[in-house]
């Protein structure tokens, strides 16, 4: 299927999820992440869920990161440039939803992409080769292209892998892992 077809399909699938479904699936995803070989690093980038888009609730992953005393980074998006700036999440970080309902830090300690070891990636769909489909703005492709080559990229999905995304571009950055409520994928 094409990215456009998969966006449509997976937005409809997400629309059918209840708050309880999202919560239960998000806990399963967080519990599965504990088993991955990713916990020896220092800097972990995570997204804060857009509730209106029924994204994976990352609060449970944040609890794991906090319990493991990791440096957690969250982003602020610049929609004019199509880029993200990353800030250290601390107890004093003030977060506010932007015009697209994305929870973002108002300010903080900026951290460069070359420090980031692990990135948890929101997505709508992914395939068995580790390709992913997001919302189509390219924010994560630009961000990941600017990270270290060995940065670990982990997709989080409520749904299992599609067979193939047929319109993958050279500039698309694939995943190393994807975690669903049912299983973990390694690419």
Protein backbone atom coordinates (compact mmCIF):
# COMPACT_ATOMS: atom_id res chain seq x y z
CA UNK A 1 0.00 0.00 0.00
CA UNK A 2 1.07 3.60 -0.47
CA UNK A 3 1.75 5.98 2.39
CA UNK A 4 -1.46 7.88 1.64
CA UNK A 5 -3.50 4.67 1.72
CA UNK A 6 -1.85 3.59 4.97
CA UNK A 7 -2.41 7.00 6.58
CA UNK A 8 -6.11 6.77 5.79
CA UNK A 9 -6.38 3.16 6.99
CA UNK A 10 -4.49 3.69 10.26
CA UNK A 11 -6.21 6.96 11.16
CA UNK A 12 -9.50 5.07 10.84
CA UNK A 13 -8.16 2.20 12.97
CA UNK A 14 -7.01 4.66 15.64
CA UNK A 15 -10.38 6.43 15.58
CA UNK A 16 -11.94 3.14 16.69
CA UNK A 17 -9.79 2.92 19.82
CA UNK A 18 -11.28 3.81 23.19
CA UNK A 19 -9.35 5.56 25.96
CA UNK A 20 -9.13 2.20 27.75
CA UNK A 21 -7.81 0.51 24.58
CA UNK A 22 -5.11 3.18 24.24
CA UNK A 23 -4.13 2.93 27.90
CA UNK A 24 -3.93 -0.87 27.90
CA UNK A 25 -1.95 -0.98 24.63
CA UNK A 26 0.41 1.80 25.82
CA UNK A 27 1.19 -0.15 29.01
CA UNK A 28 1.91 -3.30 26.95
CA UNK A 29 4.25 -1.33 24.69
CA UNK A 30 6.11 0.17 27.66
CA UNK A 31 6.46 -3.28 29.29
CA UNK A 32 7.87 -4.72 26.05
CA UNK A 33 10.40 -1.89 25.76
CA UNK A 34 11.96 -2.93 29.07
CA UNK A 35 13.15 -6.16 27.37
CA UNK A 36 14.94 -4.42 24.47
CA UNK A 37 18.76 -3.98 24.59
CA UNK A 38 18.56 -0.18 24.70
CA UNK A 39 19.05 0.79 28.34
CA UNK A 40 22.82 1.37 28.58
CA UNK A 41 22.64 4.80 26.92
CA UNK A 42 22.27 8.31 28.37
CA UNK A 43 20.10 10.50 26.10
CA UNK A 44 16.59 9.35 25.13
CA UNK A 45 14.32 11.40 22.89
CA UNK A 46 10.60 10.83 23.32
CA UNK A 47 7.43 12.38 21.95
CA UNK A 48 4.59 13.53 24.16
CA UNK A 49 1.38 12.03 22.83
CA UNK A 50 -1.14 14.09 20.89
CA UNK A 51 -4.28 12.85 22.65
CA UNK A 52 -6.52 14.15 19.86
CA UNK A 53 -4.66 11.90 17.39
CA UNK A 54 -4.96 8.89 19.74
CA UNK A 55 -1.19 8.37 19.84
CA UNK A 56 0.61 5.92 22.12
CA UNK A 57 0.58 7.33 25.65
CA UNK A 58 4.28 7.75 26.45
CA UNK A 59 3.74 8.55 30.15
CA UNK A 60 4.57 4.92 31.00
CA UNK A 61 7.82 5.07 29.05
CA UNK A 62 8.66 8.36 30.77
CA UNK A 63 8.24 6.57 34.12
CA UNK A 64 10.69 3.86 33.02
CA UNK A 65 13.21 6.47 31.83
CA UNK A 66 12.88 8.37 35.08
CA UNK A 67 13.29 5.18 37.12
CA UNK A 68 16.46 4.39 35.19
CA UNK A 69 17.71 7.96 35.74
CA UNK A 70 18.06 8.71 32.01
CA UNK A 71 18.31 12.11 30.33
CA UNK A 72 14.97 12.63 28.57
CA UNK A 73 14.58 14.99 25.63
CA UNK A 74 11.38 16.39 24.15
CA UNK A 75 10.97 18.58 21.08
CA UNK A 76 9.53 21.86 19.99
CA UNK A 77 8.47 22.04 16.33
CA UNK A 78 9.12 24.90 13.94
CA UNK A 79 6.43 24.51 11.27
CA UNK A 80 7.90 27.22 9.02
CA UNK A 81 11.26 25.45 8.78
CA UNK A 82 9.95 21.91 9.26
CA UNK A 83 12.48 21.29 12.04
CA UNK A 84 12.50 20.33 15.70
CA UNK A 85 14.59 21.68 18.58
CA UNK A 86 15.23 19.31 21.49
CA UNK A 87 15.14 20.21 25.17
CA UNK A 88 16.05 18.35 28.33
CA UNK A 89 12.90 17.42 30.25
CA UNK A 90 13.28 18.45 33.90
CA UNK A 91 10.93 18.89 36.86
CA UNK A 92 10.72 22.60 36.04
CA UNK A 93 9.94 22.18 32.31
CA UNK A 94 6.73 23.98 31.40
CA UNK A 95 4.74 22.24 28.66
CA UNK A 96 2.01 23.75 26.51
CA UNK A 97 0.11 22.44 23.50
CA UNK A 98 0.88 24.22 20.23
CA UNK A 99 -1.66 25.06 17.50
CA UNK A 100 -1.58 21.40 16.36
CA UNK A 101 -2.21 20.09 19.91
CA UNK A 102 1.38 18.85 20.21
CA UNK A 103 2.58 19.15 23.82
CA UNK A 104 5.86 21.09 23.71
CA UNK A 105 8.33 22.65 26.15
CA UNK A 106 8.10 26.43 26.39
CA UNK A 107 11.87 26.67 26.94
CA UNK A 108 14.70 24.83 28.62
CA UNK A 109 18.17 23.43 28.11
CA UNK A 110 18.70 22.77 24.41
CA UNK A 111 20.46 19.51 23.49
CA UNK A 112 22.01 18.92 20.05
CA UNK A 113 21.07 15.96 17.84
CA UNK A 114 24.56 14.47 18.08
CA UNK A 115 24.03 13.73 21.79
CA UNK A 116 20.87 11.64 21.23
CA UNK A 117 21.32 7.88 21.66
CA UNK A 118 17.75 6.54 21.37
CA UNK A 119 14.65 8.01 19.69
CA UNK A 120 11.10 6.79 20.31
CA UNK A 121 9.15 7.64 17.15
CA UNK A 122 5.43 8.24 16.72
CA UNK A 123 4.01 6.72 13.57
CA UNK A 124 0.77 5.75 11.91
CA UNK A 125 2.01 2.56 10.22
CA UNK A 126 5.17 0.58 9.46
CA UNK A 127 6.09 -2.36 7.28
CA UNK A 128 8.03 -5.60 7.74
CA UNK A 129 11.19 -3.94 6.37
CA UNK A 130 11.21 -1.20 9.04
CA UNK A 131 9.86 1.60 6.86
CA UNK A 132 7.40 3.91 8.57
CA UNK A 133 4.54 6.23 7.77
CA UNK A 134 3.98 9.36 9.85
CA UNK A 135 1.75 12.34 9.26
CA UNK A 136 3.62 13.30 6.08
CA UNK A 137 5.41 16.50 7.08
CA UNK A 138 8.91 14.94 7.22
CA UNK A 139 9.84 16.29 10.68
CA UNK A 140 11.25 12.99 11.90
CA UNK A 141 13.10 12.20 8.65
CA UNK A 142 14.92 15.56 8.85
CA UNK A 143 15.57 15.11 12.58
CA UNK A 144 16.84 11.51 12.28
CA UNK A 145 19.05 12.37 9.28
CA UNK A 146 20.84 14.86 11.55
CA UNK A 147 21.42 12.35 14.40
CA UNK A 148 24.47 10.11 14.84
CA UNK A 149 24.46 7.13 12.43
CA UNK A 150 24.21 4.71 15.38
CA UNK A 151 21.23 6.44 17.04
CA UNK A 152 18.66 3.73 17.81
CA UNK A 153 15.27 4.39 16.21
CA UNK A 154 12.24 2.76 17.84
CA UNK A 155 8.74 3.06 16.44
CA UNK A 156 5.71 2.71 18.71
CA UNK A 157 2.54 1.36 17.12
CA UNK A 158 -0.84 0.10 18.25
CA UNK A 159 -1.05 -2.08 15.14
CA UNK A 160 1.07 -4.79 13.56
CA UNK A 161 3.36 -4.38 10.54
CA UNK A 162 1.97 -3.98 7.05
CA UNK A 163 3.55 -6.18 4.36
CA UNK A 164 5.09 -3.31 2.39
CA UNK A 165 5.00 0.45 1.97
CA UNK A 166 5.27 0.80 -1.80
CA UNK A 167 6.38 4.44 -2.08
CA UNK A 168 9.47 4.63 0.15
CA UNK A 169 11.97 7.37 -0.72
CA UNK A 170 15.77 7.37 -0.30
CA UNK A 171 15.37 10.21 2.22
CA UNK A 172 13.03 8.13 4.43
CA UNK A 173 14.76 6.96 7.59
CA UNK A 174 13.85 3.43 8.67
CA UNK A 175 13.47 1.91 12.12
CA UNK A 176 15.77 -0.34 14.12
CA UNK A 177 12.88 -1.63 16.22
CA UNK A 178 9.11 -1.24 16.38
CA UNK A 179 7.09 -2.22 19.43
CA UNK A 180 3.39 -3.04 19.37
CA UNK A 181 1.15 -4.38 22.14
CA UNK A 182 1.51 -7.88 20.64
CA UNK A 183 5.18 -8.12 19.66
CA UNK A 184 8.54 -6.47 19.03
CA UNK A 185 10.04 -6.14 15.55
CA UNK A 186 13.78 -5.90 14.88
CA UNK A 187 15.04 -4.60 11.53
